Amino acid sequence: MTKPILEAIRLSKQYITRQGPLPAIEDVSFGVAPGEFLCIVGPSGCGKTTLLRLLSGLLQPDRGLVCLHGQPLPGPCREIGFVFQNANLMPWRTVFDNVLLPLQVQRMPGIEAERRATHALKLVGLLEFARSYPRELSGGMAQRVAIARALAHEPEILLLDEPFGALDALTRERLNQELLRVWEASRKTVVIVTHDIREAVFLADRVLVLSQRPGRVSGVVPITLPRPRSLSLFYSEAFGALAYEVRQAIR
């Protein structure tokens, strides 16, 4: 692999509960190459979300280090965009104004902020809904707005925490295709957490598998399927073999 743009070095994190320390992840190390699409999977409660928040700088590790371009990451930064499980759109703001909000917080000049918001909405295919309100959107459209909001400040890296987990299967498949289209257009580095093995295999260049809590790296599966990818891949023998390999690594 080329020199990583983002690197986890022996990361460990635990939470303090009434019952005592609860280890979330332990001694996790891996790198993400520039432009790579990496998926992280693992059993429920294995620390996937904790790991993603450490990679973003939203959490600090108890031990270990996160490096961006070879330098320690001290906290959240503009180079890393984050999409949460819920869209968390402000209901009183239009789609355009929701995407514009983080740029306004950064005090970006109005013309440039509007250009970036417009471009981000074009990327996710929602420019025609710019003047709509969140109540007028489907769940899938709301998540696309959340992705546009994360893309608007033009980060180098996009981190997504199970962004499609609450959606029905058909909508989820359609948004998987949309996410790949956005990635192919922007070629940003993407790391996504998912509990869906098929989704991970469909999207990723590599799948990183975490063990039961405390999460440790139990396997890394390169995904050799050709790109661009269509939904017909779900029914191929090669896809089934890779999904089985990921499933075995989780065990």
C-alpha atoms as a PDB file:
ATOM      1  CA  MET A   1       0.000   0.000   0.000  1.00  0.00           C
ATOM      2  CA  THR A   2       1.140   3.548  -0.694  1.00  0.00           C
ATOM      3  CA  LYS A   3       1.913   5.817   2.250  1.00  0.00           C
ATOM      4  CA  PRO A   4      -1.332   6.094   4.251  1.00  0.00           C
ATOM      5  CA  ILE A   5      -3.225   9.360   4.415  1.00  0.00           C
ATOM      6  CA  LEU A   6      -4.818   8.233   7.713  1.00  0.00           C
ATOM      7  CA  GLU A   7      -3.296   5.775  10.145  1.00  0.00           C
ATOM      8  CA  ALA A   8      -4.335   4.115  13.406  1.00  0.00           C
ATOM      9  CA  ILE A   9      -1.376   3.067  15.524  1.00  0.00           C
ATOM     10  CA  ARG A  10      -2.086   0.646  18.401  1.00  0.00           C
ATOM     11  CA  LEU A  11      -5.320   2.388  19.396  1.00  0.00           C
ATOM     12  CA  SER A  12      -7.035   1.431  22.652  1.00  0.00           C
ATOM     13  CA  LYS A  13     -10.084   3.024  24.257  1.00  0.00           C
ATOM     14  CA  GLN A  14     -12.211   2.166  27.267  1.00  0.00           C
ATOM     15  CA  TYR A  15     -15.228   3.775  28.929  1.00  0.00           C
ATOM     16  CA  ILE A  16     -15.818   4.143  32.646  1.00  0.00           C
ATOM     17  CA  THR A  17     -19.187   2.711  33.740  1.00  0.00           C
ATOM     18  CA  ARG A  18     -20.830   2.033  37.092  1.00  0.00           C
ATOM     19  CA  GLN A  19     -19.640  -1.549  36.795  1.00  0.00           C
ATOM     20  CA  GLY A  20     -16.072  -0.424  36.127  1.00  0.00           C
ATOM     21  CA  PRO A  21     -13.914   0.010  33.000  1.00  0.00           C
ATOM     22  CA  LEU A  22     -15.476  -1.204  29.758  1.00  0.00           C
ATOM     23  CA  PRO A  23     -12.867  -1.745  27.023  1.00  0.00           C
ATOM     24  CA  ALA A  24     -14.186  -0.798  23.558  1.00  0.00           C
ATOM     25  CA  ILE A  25     -11.178  -1.404  21.284  1.00  0.00           C
ATOM     26  CA  GLU A  26      -7.703  -2.688  22.004  1.00  0.00           C
ATOM     27  CA  ASP A  27      -4.412  -2.434  20.114  1.00  0.00           C
ATOM     28  CA  VAL A  28      -5.958  -1.603  16.716  1.00  0.00           C
ATOM     29  CA  SER A  29      -3.549  -0.691  13.922  1.00  0.00           C
ATOM     30  CA  PHE A  30      -4.132  -0.108  10.187  1.00  0.00           C
ATOM     31  CA  GLY A  31      -3.633   2.485   7.474  1.00  0.00           C
ATOM     32  CA  VAL A  32      -5.921   3.965   4.819  1.00  0.00           C
ATOM     33  CA  ALA A  33      -4.433   4.836   1.428  1.00  0.00           C
ATOM     34  CA  PRO A  34      -5.303   8.077  -0.399  1.00  0.00           C
ATOM     35  CA  GLY A  35      -8.474   7.567  -2.425  1.00  0.00           C
ATOM     36  CA  GLU A  36      -9.208   4.191  -0.835  1.00  0.00           C
ATOM     37  CA  PHE A  37     -12.712   3.020   0.066  1.00  0.00           C
ATOM     38  CA  LEU A  38     -12.386   1.073   3.344  1.00  0.00           C
ATOM     39  CA  CYS A  39     -15.290  -0.620   5.140  1.00  0.00           C
ATOM     40  CA  ILE A  40     -15.178  -1.633   8.801  1.00  0.00           C
ATOM     41  CA  VAL A  41     -17.396  -4.497   9.948  1.00  0.00           C
ATOM     42  CA  GLY A  42     -17.747  -6.530  13.113  1.00  0.00           C
ATOM     43  CA  PRO A  43     -20.270  -7.863  15.619  1.00  0.00           C
ATOM     44  CA  SER A  44     -22.573  -5.507  17.502  1.00  0.00           C
ATOM     45  CA  GLY A  45     -20.812  -3.717  20.347  1.00  0.00           C
ATOM     46  CA  CYS A  46     -17.288  -4.401  19.060  1.00  0.00           C
ATOM     47  CA  GLY A  47     -16.241  -0.734  19.036  1.00  0.00           C
ATOM     48  CA  LYS A  48     -16.784   0.190  15.368  1.00  0.00           C
ATOM     49  CA  THR A  49     -18.303   3.587  16.142  1.00  0.00           C
ATOM     50  CA  THR A  50     -15.657   4.249  18.805  1.00  0.00           C
ATOM     51  CA  LEU A  51     -12.934   3.512  16.258  1.00  0.00           C
ATOM     52  CA  LEU A  52     -14.476   5.847  13.681  1.00  0.00           C
ATOM     53  CA  ARG A  53     -14.756   8.666  16.239  1.00  0.00           C
ATOM     54  CA  LEU A  54     -11.104   8.165  17.172  1.00  0.00           C
ATOM     55  CA  LEU A  55     -10.158   8.416  13.486  1.00  0.00           C
ATOM     56  CA  SER A  56     -12.083  11.702  13.237  1.00  0.00           C
ATOM     57  CA  GLY A  57     -10.541  13.270  16.335  1.00  0.00           C
ATOM     58  CA  LEU A  58     -13.946  13.444  18.058  1.00  0.00           C
ATOM     59  CA  LEU A  59     -12.574  11.048  20.688  1.00  0.00           C
ATOM     60  CA  GLN A  60      -9.052  10.737  22.036  1.00  0.00           C
ATOM     61  CA  PRO A  61      -7.517   7.272  22.590  1.00  0.00           C
ATOM     62  CA  ASP A  62      -6.367   6.052  25.984  1.00  0.00           C
ATOM     63  CA  ARG A  63      -3.328   4.593  24.246  1.00  0.00           C
ATOM     64  CA  GLY A  64      -2.026   4.804  20.711  1.00  0.00           C
ATOM     65  CA  LEU A  65      -2.123   7.442  18.022  1.00  0.00           C
ATOM     66  CA  VAL A  66      -4.102   8.580  14.987  1.00  0.00           C
ATOM     67  CA  CYS A  67      -1.978  10.211  12.282  1.00  0.00           C
ATOM     68  CA  LEU A  68      -3.129  12.339   9.336  1.00  0.00           C
ATOM     69  CA  HIS A  69      -0.476  12.734   6.624  1.00  0.00           C
ATOM     70  CA  GLY A  70       2.024  11.250   9.083  1.00  0.00           C
ATOM     71  CA  GLN A  71       1.317  13.831  11.796  1.00  0.00           C
ATOM     72  CA  PRO A  72      -0.580  13.204  15.064  1.00  0.00           C
ATOM     73  CA  LEU A  73      -4.240  14.211  14.867  1.00  0.00           C
ATOM     74  CA  PRO A  74      -4.973  16.483  17.862  1.00  0.00           C
ATOM     75  CA  GLY A  75      -8.743  16.718  17.323  1.00  0.00           C
ATOM     76  CA  PRO A  76     -11.435  17.349  14.686  1.00  0.00           C
ATOM     77  CA  CYS A  77     -10.184  19.120  11.570  1.00  0.00           C
ATOM     78  CA  ARG A  78     -11.502  20.352   8.230  1.00  0.00           C
ATOM     79  CA  GLU A  79      -9.627  17.662   6.329  1.00  0.00           C
ATOM     80  CA  ILE A  80     -11.960  15.009   7.798  1.00  0.00           C
ATOM     81  CA  GLY A  81     -15.736  15.035   7.244  1.00  0.00           C
ATOM     82  CA  PHE A  82     -18.056  12.921   9.406  1.00  0.00           C
ATOM     83  CA  VAL A  83     -21.540  11.557   8.630  1.00  0.00           C
ATOM     84  CA  PHE A  84     -23.457  10.269  11.660  1.00  0.00           C
ATOM     85  CA  GLN A  85     -26.019   7.461  11.813  1.00  0.00           C
ATOM     86  CA  ASN A  86     -28.832  10.024  11.888  1.00  0.00           C
ATOM     87  CA  ALA A  87     -29.028  12.894   9.412  1.00  0.00           C
ATOM     88  CA  ASN A  88     -29.653  15.467  12.202  1.00  0.00           C
ATOM     89  CA  LEU A  89     -30.957  18.131   9.836  1.00  0.00           C
ATOM     90  CA  MET A  90     -32.340  21.354  11.270  1.00  0.00           C
ATOM     91  CA  PRO A  91     -36.067  21.279  10.442  1.00  0.00           C
ATOM     92  CA  TRP A  92     -36.444  25.058  10.146  1.00  0.00           C
ATOM     93  CA  ARG A  93     -33.693  25.349   7.510  1.00  0.00           C
ATOM     94  CA  THR A  94     -34.014  24.384   3.865  1.00  0.00           C
ATOM     95  CA  VAL A  95     -31.869  21.635   2.367  1.00  0.00           C
ATOM     96  CA  PHE A  96     -29.538  24.268   0.922  1.00  0.00           C
ATOM     97  CA  ASP A  97     -29.276  26.111   4.233  1.00  0.00           C
ATOM     98  CA  ASN A  98     -28.565  22.869   6.109  1.00  0.00           C
ATOM     99  CA  VAL A  99     -25.645  22.177   3.776  1.00  0.00           C
ATOM    100  CA  LEU A 100     -24.534  25.804   4.062  1.00  0.00           C
ATOM    101  CA  LEU A 101     -24.555  25.835   7.889  1.00  0.00           C
ATOM    102  CA  PRO A 102     -21.041  24.452   8.642  1.00  0.00           C
ATOM    103  CA  LEU A 103     -19.561  26.856   6.081  1.00  0.00           C
ATOM    104  CA  GLN A 104     -21.306  29.754   7.786  1.00  0.00           C
ATOM    105  CA  VAL A 105     -19.949  28.577  11.144  1.00  0.00           C
ATOM    106  CA  GLN A 106     -16.462  28.694   9.576  1.00  0.00           C
ATOM    107  CA  ARG A 107     -17.254  32.276   8.436  1.00  0.00           C
ATOM    108  CA  MET A 108     -16.560  31.380   4.828  1.00  0.00           C
ATOM    109  CA  PRO A 109     -17.336  34.230   2.398  1.00  0.00           C
ATOM    110  CA  GLY A 110     -20.923  33.954   1.147  1.00  0.00           C
ATOM    111  CA  ILE A 111     -20.232  33.470  -2.564  1.00  0.00           C
ATOM    112  CA  GLU A 112     -17.701  30.680  -1.959  1.00  0.00           C
ATOM    113  CA  ALA A 113     -19.935  29.008   0.636  1.00  0.00           C
ATOM    114  CA  GLU A 114     -22.879  29.008  -1.765  1.00  0.00           C
ATOM    115  CA  ARG A 115     -20.702  27.612  -4.562  1.00  0.00           C
ATOM    116  CA  ARG A 116     -19.572  24.736  -2.359  1.00  0.00           C
ATOM    117  CA  ALA A 117     -23.082  23.975  -1.094  1.00  0.00           C
ATOM    118  CA  THR A 118     -24.387  23.944  -4.663  1.00  0.00           C
ATOM    119  CA  HIS A 119     -21.583  21.629  -5.805  1.00  0.00           C
ATOM    120  CA  ALA A 120     -22.157  19.246  -2.881  1.00  0.00           C
ATOM    121  CA  LEU A 121     -25.880  19.009  -3.611  1.00  0.00           C
ATOM    122  CA  LYS A 122     -25.111  18.334  -7.278  1.00  0.00           C
ATOM    123  CA  LEU A 123     -22.775  15.498  -6.233  1.00  0.00           C
ATOM    124  CA  VAL A 124     -25.503  13.753  -4.243  1.00  0.00           C
ATOM    125  CA  GLY A 125     -28.156  14.459  -6.892  1.00  0.00           C
ATOM    126  CA  LEU A 126     -30.361  16.735  -4.769  1.00  0.00           C
ATOM    127  CA  LEU A 127     -29.874  20.210  -6.227  1.00  0.00           C
ATOM    128  CA  GLU A 128     -33.514  20.304  -7.356  1.00  0.00           C
ATOM    129  CA  PHE A 129     -34.553  19.888  -3.697  1.00  0.00           C
ATOM    130  CA  ALA A 130     -32.367  22.757  -2.448  1.00  0.00           C
ATOM    131  CA  ARG A 131     -35.374  24.815  -1.310  1.00  0.00           C
ATOM    132  CA  SER A 132     -37.212  21.889   0.283  1.00  0.00           C
ATOM    133  CA  TYR A 133     -37.412  21.345   4.041  1.00  0.00           C
ATOM    134  CA  PRO A 134     -36.348  18.157   5.869  1.00  0.00           C
ATOM    135  CA  ARG A 135     -39.994  17.199   6.557  1.00  0.00           C
ATOM    136  CA  GLU A 136     -40.499  16.959   2.791  1.00  0.00           C
ATOM    137  CA  LEU A 137     -37.685  14.422   2.303  1.00  0.00           C
ATOM    138  CA  SER A 138     -37.566  10.651   2.526  1.00  0.00           C
ATOM    139  CA  GLY A 139     -35.113   9.042   4.935  1.00  0.00           C
ATOM    140  CA  GLY A 140     -32.724   8.246   2.107  1.00  0.00           C
ATOM    141  CA  MET A 141     -32.828  11.805   0.792  1.00  0.00           C
ATOM    142  CA  ALA A 142     -32.138  13.166   4.287  1.00  0.00           C
ATOM    143  CA  GLN A 143     -29.027  10.997   4.537  1.00  0.00           C
ATOM    144  CA  ARG A 144     -27.864  12.263   1.145  1.00  0.00           C
ATOM    145  CA  VAL A 145     -28.242  15.814   2.456  1.00  0.00           C
ATOM    146  CA  ALA A 146     -26.109  14.825   5.467  1.00  0.00           C
ATOM    147  CA  ILE A 147     -23.449  13.508   3.086  1.00  0.00           C
ATOM    148  CA  ALA A 148     -23.617  16.733   1.064  1.00  0.00           C
ATOM    149  CA  ARG A 149     -23.188  18.740   4.272  1.00  0.00           C
ATOM    150  CA  ALA A 150     -20.053  16.747   5.121  1.00  0.00           C
ATOM    151  CA  LEU A 151     -18.715  17.183   1.570  1.00  0.00           C
ATOM    152  CA  ALA A 152     -19.388  20.935   1.407  1.00  0.00           C
ATOM    153  CA  HIS A 153     -16.192  21.959   3.185  1.00  0.00           C
ATOM    154  CA  GLU A 154     -14.308  19.709   0.730  1.00  0.00           C
ATOM    155  CA  PRO A 155     -12.587  17.335   3.168  1.00  0.00           C
ATOM    156  CA  GLU A 156      -9.878  14.965   2.007  1.00  0.00           C
ATOM    157  CA  ILE A 157     -11.391  12.110   4.007  1.00  0.00           C
ATOM    158  CA  LEU A 158     -15.043  11.189   4.550  1.00  0.00           C
ATOM    159  CA  LEU A 159     -15.990   9.010   7.547  1.00  0.00           C
ATOM    160  CA  LEU A 160     -19.502   7.505   7.662  1.00  0.00           C
ATOM    161  CA  ASP A 161     -21.032   5.726  10.664  1.00  0.00           C
ATOM    162  CA  GLU A 162     -23.693   3.285   9.425  1.00  0.00           C
ATOM    163  CA  PRO A 163     -25.391   6.057   7.421  1.00  0.00           C
ATOM    164  CA  PHE A 164     -27.987   3.742   5.849  1.00  0.00           C
ATOM    165  CA  GLY A 165     -28.674   1.475   8.821  1.00  0.00           C
ATOM    166  CA  ALA A 166     -32.241   2.714   9.429  1.00  0.00           C
ATOM    167  CA  LEU A 167     -33.353   2.410   5.791  1.00  0.00           C
ATOM    168  CA  ASP A 168     -35.210  -0.406   4.050  1.00  0.00           C
ATOM    169  CA  ALA A 169     -33.207  -2.849   1.936  1.00  0.00           C
ATOM    170  CA  LEU A 170     -34.173  -1.449  -1.480  1.00  0.00           C
ATOM    171  CA  THR A 171     -33.446   2.159  -0.487  1.00  0.00           C
ATOM    172  CA  ARG A 172     -30.181   1.043   1.040  1.00  0.00           C
ATOM    173  CA  GLU A 173     -29.071  -0.667  -2.166  1.00  0.00           C
ATOM    174  CA  ARG A 174     -29.930   2.428  -4.192  1.00  0.00           C
ATOM    175  CA  LEU A 175     -27.951   4.665  -1.815  1.00  0.00           C
ATOM    176  CA  ASN A 176     -24.993   2.295  -1.968  1.00  0.00           C
ATOM    177  CA  GLN A 177     -24.916   2.974  -5.688  1.00  0.00           C
ATOM    178  CA  GLU A 178     -25.259   6.711  -5.068  1.00  0.00           C
ATOM    179  CA  LEU A 179     -22.395   6.669  -2.580  1.00  0.00           C
ATOM    180  CA  LEU A 180     -20.162   4.865  -5.079  1.00  0.00           C
ATOM    181  CA  ARG A 181     -21.112   7.391  -7.741  1.00  0.00           C
ATOM    182  CA  VAL A 182     -20.158  10.271  -5.422  1.00  0.00           C
ATOM    183  CA  TRP A 183     -16.892   8.544  -4.507  1.00  0.00           C
ATOM    184  CA  GLU A 184     -16.006   7.887  -8.146  1.00  0.00           C
ATOM    185  CA  ALA A 185     -16.707  11.549  -8.979  1.00  0.00           C
ATOM    186  CA  SER A 186     -14.703  12.986  -6.075  1.00  0.00           C
ATOM    187  CA  ARG A 187     -12.129  10.214  -5.393  1.00  0.00           C
ATOM    188  CA  LYS A 188     -12.020  11.151  -1.747  1.00  0.00           C
ATOM    189  CA  THR A 189     -10.724   8.725   0.848  1.00  0.00           C
ATOM    190  CA  VAL A 190     -13.765   7.030   2.431  1.00  0.00           C
ATOM    191  CA  VAL A 191     -14.055   4.956   5.598  1.00  0.00           C
ATOM    192  CA  ILE A 192     -17.498   3.576   6.404  1.00  0.00           C
ATOM    193  CA  VAL A 193     -18.717   1.532   9.357  1.00  0.00           C
ATOM    194  CA  THR A 194     -21.468  -0.968   8.561  1.00  0.00           C
ATOM    195  CA  HIS A 195     -22.949  -4.099  10.112  1.00  0.00           C
ATOM    196  CA  ASP A 196     -23.995  -5.344   6.664  1.00  0.00           C
ATOM    197  CA  ILE A 197     -21.418  -7.704   5.132  1.00  0.00           C
ATOM    198  CA  ARG A 198     -22.950  -7.533   1.651  1.00  0.00           C
ATOM    199  CA  GLU A 199     -22.880  -3.740   1.734  1.00  0.00           C
ATOM    200  CA  ALA A 200     -19.226  -3.775   2.789  1.00  0.00           C
ATOM    201  CA  VAL A 201     -18.203  -6.125  -0.026  1.00  0.00           C
ATOM    202  CA  PHE A 202     -20.173  -4.129  -2.596  1.00  0.00           C
ATOM    203  CA  LEU A 203     -18.610  -0.794  -1.610  1.00  0.00           C
ATOM    204  CA  ALA A 204     -15.065  -1.471  -0.472  1.00  0.00           C
ATOM    205  CA  ASP A 205     -11.557  -1.821  -1.804  1.00  0.00           C
ATOM    206  CA  ARG A 206     -10.771  -3.550   1.506  1.00  0.00           C
ATOM    207  CA  VAL A 207     -12.883  -4.744   4.422  1.00  0.00           C
ATOM    208  CA  LEU A 208     -11.410  -4.439   7.920  1.00  0.00           C
ATOM    209  CA  VAL A 209     -12.951  -6.932  10.347  1.00  0.00           C
ATOM    210  CA  LEU A 210     -13.108  -6.325  14.102  1.00  0.00           C
ATOM    211  CA  SER A 211     -13.473  -9.069  16.719  1.00  0.00           C
ATOM    212  CA  GLN A 212     -15.909  -9.215  19.626  1.00  0.00           C
ATOM    213  CA  ARG A 213     -15.415  -6.494  22.268  1.00  0.00           C
ATOM    214  CA  PRO A 214     -12.843  -5.293  22.930  1.00  0.00           C
ATOM    215  CA  GLY A 215     -12.505  -4.852  19.190  1.00  0.00           C
ATOM    216  CA  ARG A 216      -9.245  -6.004  17.652  1.00  0.00           C
ATOM    217  CA  VAL A 217      -8.407  -6.429  13.968  1.00  0.00           C
ATOM    218  CA  SER A 218      -9.306 -10.048  13.246  1.00  0.00           C
ATOM    219  CA  GLY A 219      -8.919  -9.876   9.485  1.00  0.00           C
ATOM    220  CA  VAL A 220      -8.471  -7.701   6.406  1.00  0.00           C
ATOM    221  CA  VAL A 221     -10.156  -8.850   3.193  1.00  0.00           C
ATOM    222  CA  PRO A 222      -9.121  -7.239  -0.130  1.00  0.00           C
ATOM    223  CA  ILE A 223     -12.135  -6.856  -2.444  1.00  0.00           C
ATOM    224  CA  THR A 224     -11.052  -7.723  -5.955  1.00  0.00           C
ATOM    225  CA  LEU A 225     -14.386  -7.087  -7.695  1.00  0.00           C
ATOM    226  CA  PRO A 226     -14.059  -4.843 -10.762  1.00  0.00           C
ATOM    227  CA  ARG A 227     -15.276  -1.248 -10.804  1.00  0.00           C
ATOM    228  CA  PRO A 228     -17.628   0.369 -11.637  1.00  0.00           C
ATOM    229  CA  ARG A 229     -19.994  -1.946  -9.740  1.00  0.00           C
ATOM    230  CA  SER A 230     -23.673  -2.642 -10.338  1.00  0.00           C
ATOM    231  CA  LEU A 231     -26.281  -4.395  -8.203  1.00  0.00           C
ATOM    232  CA  SER A 232     -25.967  -7.504 -10.396  1.00  0.00           C
ATOM    233  CA  LEU A 233     -22.722  -8.211  -8.522  1.00  0.00           C
ATOM    234  CA  PHE A 234     -24.785  -9.320  -5.509  1.00  0.00           C
ATOM    235  CA  TYR A 235     -25.695 -12.468  -7.411  1.00  0.00           C
ATOM    236  CA  SER A 236     -22.225 -13.410  -8.663  1.00  0.00           C
ATOM    237  CA  GLU A 237     -20.158 -16.309  -7.398  1.00  0.00           C
ATOM    238  CA  ALA A 238     -17.151 -14.039  -6.726  1.00  0.00           C
ATOM    239  CA  PHE A 239     -19.284 -11.733  -4.575  1.00  0.00           C
ATOM    240  CA  GLY A 240     -20.626 -14.664  -2.559  1.00  0.00           C
ATOM    241  CA  ALA A 241     -17.121 -16.020  -1.956  1.00  0.00           C
ATOM    242  CA  LEU A 242     -15.856 -12.655  -0.677  1.00  0.00           C
ATOM    243  CA  ALA A 243     -18.899 -12.199   1.576  1.00  0.00           C
ATOM    244  CA  TYR A 244     -18.273 -15.664   3.010  1.00  0.00           C
ATOM    245  CA  GLU A 245     -14.594 -14.801   3.626  1.00  0.00           C
ATOM    246  CA  VAL A 246     -15.603 -11.665   5.544  1.00  0.00           C
ATOM    247  CA  ARG A 247     -18.187 -13.651   7.531  1.00  0.00           C
ATOM    248  CA  GLN A 248     -15.579 -16.220   8.490  1.00  0.00           C
ATOM    249  CA  ALA A 249     -13.186 -13.470   9.655  1.00  0.00           C
ATOM    250  CA  ILE A 250     -15.895 -12.129  12.008  1.00  0.00           C
ATOM    251  CA  ARG A 251     -16.133 -15.535  13.660  1.00  0.00           C
END
